Structures are given as structure tokens and as C-alpha cells.
Protein backbone atom coordinates (compact mmCIF):
# COMPACT_ATOMS: atom_id res chain seq x y z
CA UNK A 1 57.28 71.49 24.17
CA UNK A 2 56.34 74.72 25.92
CA UNK A 3 58.53 75.87 28.79
CA UNK A 4 56.94 78.10 31.37
CA UNK A 5 58.78 81.27 32.29
CA UNK A 6 58.25 83.16 35.51
CA UNK A 7 58.20 86.78 34.36
CA UNK A 8 58.25 87.87 38.02
CA UNK A 9 61.97 87.06 38.07
CA UNK A 10 62.69 89.71 35.42
CA UNK A 11 63.06 93.48 35.63
CA UNK A 12 63.18 96.27 33.08
CA UNK A 13 66.81 96.83 31.99
CA UNK A 14 65.98 100.28 30.57
CA UNK A 15 67.75 102.77 32.86
CA UNK A 16 65.33 105.56 32.01
CA UNK A 17 62.29 103.49 33.01
CA UNK A 18 60.49 104.30 36.27
CA UNK A 19 60.41 100.57 37.06
CA UNK A 20 64.10 99.92 36.25
CA UNK A 21 65.47 96.97 38.30
CA UNK A 22 62.13 96.39 40.11
CA UNK A 23 61.19 92.71 40.09
CA UNK A 24 57.76 91.18 40.49
CA UNK A 25 55.61 94.29 40.09
CA UNK A 26 53.71 93.01 37.07
CA UNK A 27 55.21 95.30 34.46
CA UNK A 28 57.02 92.55 32.49
CA UNK A 29 55.05 90.50 29.97
CA UNK A 30 55.89 87.93 27.31
CA UNK A 31 55.75 89.83 24.04
CA UNK A 32 56.94 87.42 21.33
CA UNK A 33 59.47 84.75 20.35
CA UNK A 34 62.43 85.19 18.04
CA UNK A 35 65.41 83.42 16.45
CA UNK A 36 66.20 79.80 15.66
CA UNK A 37 65.89 78.79 19.29
CA UNK A 38 62.56 80.65 19.62
CA UNK A 39 63.82 82.69 22.56
CA UNK A 40 61.26 84.65 24.52
CA UNK A 41 61.06 88.39 23.95
CA UNK A 42 59.85 90.27 27.01
CA UNK A 43 58.33 93.74 27.22
CA UNK A 44 58.05 96.29 30.00
CA UNK A 45 54.50 97.69 30.11
CA UNK A 46 55.78 100.87 31.79
CA UNK A 47 58.16 102.05 29.06
CA UNK A 48 57.46 99.55 26.21
CA UNK A 49 61.13 98.46 26.20
CA UNK A 50 61.59 95.00 24.66
CA UNK A 51 64.40 92.66 25.71
CA UNK A 52 65.50 89.03 25.55
CA UNK A 53 64.94 86.46 28.27
CA UNK A 54 68.75 86.12 28.28
CA UNK A 55 69.36 89.82 28.92
CA UNK A 56 71.46 90.44 32.06
CA UNK A 57 72.60 86.82 32.10
CA UNK A 58 75.87 85.12 31.33
CA UNK A 59 74.41 83.72 28.08
CA UNK A 60 73.33 87.04 26.54
CA UNK A 61 75.06 87.62 23.20
CA UNK A 62 76.40 84.08 22.90
CA UNK A 63 74.91 82.19 19.96
CA UNK A 64 75.83 78.72 21.19
CA UNK A 65 73.20 76.59 22.91
CA UNK A 66 73.20 76.88 26.71
CA UNK A 67 73.73 73.15 27.16
CA UNK A 68 76.82 73.30 24.94
CA UNK A 69 78.17 76.33 26.85
CA UNK A 70 77.73 74.51 30.17
CA UNK A 71 79.47 71.47 28.69
CA UNK A 72 82.46 73.57 27.58
CA UNK A 73 82.79 75.25 30.97
CA UNK A 74 82.74 71.88 32.75
CA UNK A 75 85.42 70.53 30.40
CA UNK A 76 87.64 73.52 31.10
CA UNK A 77 87.07 73.37 34.86
CA UNK A 78 88.07 69.69 34.74
CA UNK A 79 91.39 70.79 33.26
CA UNK A 80 91.00 70.24 29.53
CA UNK A 81 92.87 72.59 27.22
CA UNK A 82 90.96 74.88 24.87
CA UNK A 83 91.72 72.55 21.96
CA UNK A 84 90.59 69.45 23.86
CA UNK A 85 87.37 71.13 24.99
CA UNK A 86 86.72 72.36 21.44
CA UNK A 87 87.19 68.87 20.03
CA UNK A 88 85.07 67.22 22.74
CA UNK A 89 82.21 69.71 22.32
CA UNK A 90 82.49 69.98 18.52
CA UNK A 91 83.08 73.75 18.61
CA UNK A 92 85.78 76.02 17.24
CA UNK A 93 88.71 76.72 19.58
CA UNK A 94 88.07 80.47 19.34
CA UNK A 95 84.45 79.94 20.43
CA UNK A 96 85.64 77.95 23.44
CA UNK A 97 88.08 80.73 24.35
CA UNK A 98 85.32 83.34 23.99
CA UNK A 99 83.03 81.33 26.27
CA UNK A 100 85.78 80.93 28.89
CA UNK A 101 86.67 84.62 28.80
CA UNK A 102 82.99 85.56 29.25
CA UNK A 103 82.69 83.03 32.11
CA UNK A 104 85.69 84.49 33.95
CA UNK A 105 84.43 88.06 33.52
CA UNK A 106 80.97 87.05 34.77
CA UNK A 107 82.46 85.31 37.82
CA UNK A 108 84.58 88.35 38.61
CA UNK A 109 81.64 90.77 38.29
CA UNK A 110 79.40 88.53 40.38
CA UNK A 111 82.00 88.15 43.11
CA UNK A 112 82.71 91.89 43.24
CA UNK A 113 78.99 92.60 43.48
CA UNK A 114 78.46 90.07 46.27
CA UNK A 115 81.43 91.31 48.27
CA UNK A 116 80.24 94.89 47.89
CA UNK A 117 76.64 94.05 48.82
CA UNK A 118 77.70 92.24 52.00
CA UNK A 119 80.64 94.55 52.78
CA UNK A 120 83.09 91.64 52.96
CA UNK A 121 86.74 91.56 51.93
CA UNK A 122 87.82 88.75 49.62
CA UNK A 123 90.44 87.57 52.12
CA UNK A 124 87.77 87.27 54.85
CA UNK A 125 85.52 85.25 52.55
CA UNK A 126 88.37 82.88 51.66
CA UNK A 127 89.17 82.35 55.35
CA UNK A 128 85.50 81.72 56.12
CA UNK A 129 85.19 79.14 53.35
CA UNK A 130 88.47 77.49 54.38
CA UNK A 131 87.25 77.15 57.99
CA UNK A 132 83.95 75.59 56.82
CA UNK A 133 85.82 73.05 54.70
CA UNK A 134 88.05 72.13 57.65
CA UNK A 135 84.97 71.39 59.83
CA UNK A 136 83.78 68.65 57.46
């Protein structure tokens, strides 16, 4: 089964590239596939830098299937312990802890970036969300 990938959503992660962080300009192409999961290897036509489809995502560097990672995170959000989530997902407890640590770091980085981009304080965002919930 072939999954289509919109290369326009990707940008060159090479900081020395002239097209670094520019999306949808046609410089990213599908170059090859690699690994057991046959992940897509992308290439920047500007600087010839090759990178994974998972680069700059939460899943980059994790060797567990994405569906299994999502399953683990949902178990932990529901309140399961690391051991319970590991048993339920058939993973090692250390793997579950690594996934959770990565998830928390990713959430923190994403939130900091959003707050900075919109020039909002965390306290103001919490109050805004609280008010919206109260209106329901």
C-alpha cells in the first residue's frame, strides 16, 4: 500500500542552506526509502541535504511504531502507571518512560514556541481557555 506524502509540507533542516525553513517552494523531493518501516528519505535540491520524513517531528529518533507510541501516550494520559502502560502495549517500561519524557519535552517546546510567536503569557492563555470552558 503506497501512502502519498505532500512534500510541500516539508522544509530543508540544513541551517546552511539558502532555503532553510522555507516550505512549499519545490526544493524538497522524495529521494529514497529506508529501514524496516520503509520510511521516506527526502532531499533538498538546493543543497542536496537528505533527511527523514520524521525529521523535526516528535517521532524522530524513536524506533517504535507511531501507532504504538500514540497508544502509550493515551494510556499514560488516562492515568496508567509506566508499568501498566508497558504491559498493555507490550513494550519495555524503560521504552515507555523514554516516550513519555520525549512527549513532555515536545509539549513544552511547542507551547513555548506558540506563546513566543503570539506574544502571550502562559497565565493569560490559561485564563482564556478557562473562560471558554465556562461558556459551554
